[in-house]
Amino acid sequence: MTAASGPNFYLGVDGGGTGCRARIEDEAGNVLGQGLSGPATTRLGIDVAWASIARAYGAAAEEAGFGPAELARTFAGVGLAGIGRKGALEALQAIGHPFRGIAFTSDGMGACLGAHSGRDGAIVIAGTGSIGLGFVDGRDLRVGGYGFPISDEGSGADLGLKAVQLALRAHDGRQDRSALLTEIMLRFHDDPMEAVAWMDRATATDYAALAPAVMRHADQGDAAGRHIVQSAAEQIDTLVRTLFDKGAPRVTLLGGLASPLEPWLAPDVRRRLKPADGDAVSGAIILARRLAREALA
């Protein structure tokens, strides 16, 4: 697209499995508009993901008072969940758009860019799933995150799975009962076959829905809860240490379980973690600014 004369603008989009956020900034970093929409992940299909992205950036553009002329001077960066799926990136790049240029990355890499202001570094995401991601000297780093139940150790889904496993053992008498395990079995009306029926259709999100109960009981001293959470924390410790071993100069812990799990992490790991500079939308805007520098060089 031929660029109109005038200043450039930068759009950042963070498209995740639960929602999509967009933000437009000017050269100086002033926020001009923001927008929100529903889930944007390629798992729902490319068309659905792009429609969500378009609603989010459309709302941001409306708030900024942007028309076609301003969008034609906008560089866009998009971090999107599931972009690693085969054919996803090519399909997205084939979609028409109103911007001067657009660049895509994964939602995790977008979060990593934002966490470290675009500098080398890594993140560990502990949420429904878990993964370690980063970049050092032009190399991409990845540890874990291959999907539940074969991976995603230390995640919310993993906590839920362990709780159900121990609850069933306690029901059989193979494990001491505890308040947590009793509560888990009550969700299945104390019937193991009901747990089996639930398992047949349960997703990672369903297992992760049990994680708050696990954390609550662990914090209250429940023996089974403490065992599960301590094991999860050790898995997160390993992800962090492995990223440092691979050369990451800094690591940030992100995700819904980051704050609840941090007190359970090993002291050396807690000391080495750094707070995030910015969020995943900030990372997408960094991507957009890099694209602009390349285009205008």
Foldseek 3Di string as FASTA:
>chain_A
DDADDDFAKEKFWQAAQAWIKMWIAGPVRDTQFIFIFGHAACVVPLVVNVVRVCRGVVRRCVSNVDDLNRQQRYFFFYAHHHCPPPPNVVVNVPDDDSHVYYYYHHLQLLFQCQQVVNDWFWEWEAELFIWIWTDDPRDIDTDWPPFPPVTRFLHLLQLLVLLQVQLVCCLVVNHPDWPSSVVVCVVQVVDVVSVVVCVVPDDSVNSSVSSVSLLVVVVVPIPSSVVSLLRSLVVVLVSQVVRVVVPGPAYAYHYPCRVSNLVSHDPVSNVRHDGGNGGSSSSRRVVRVVVVVVVVD
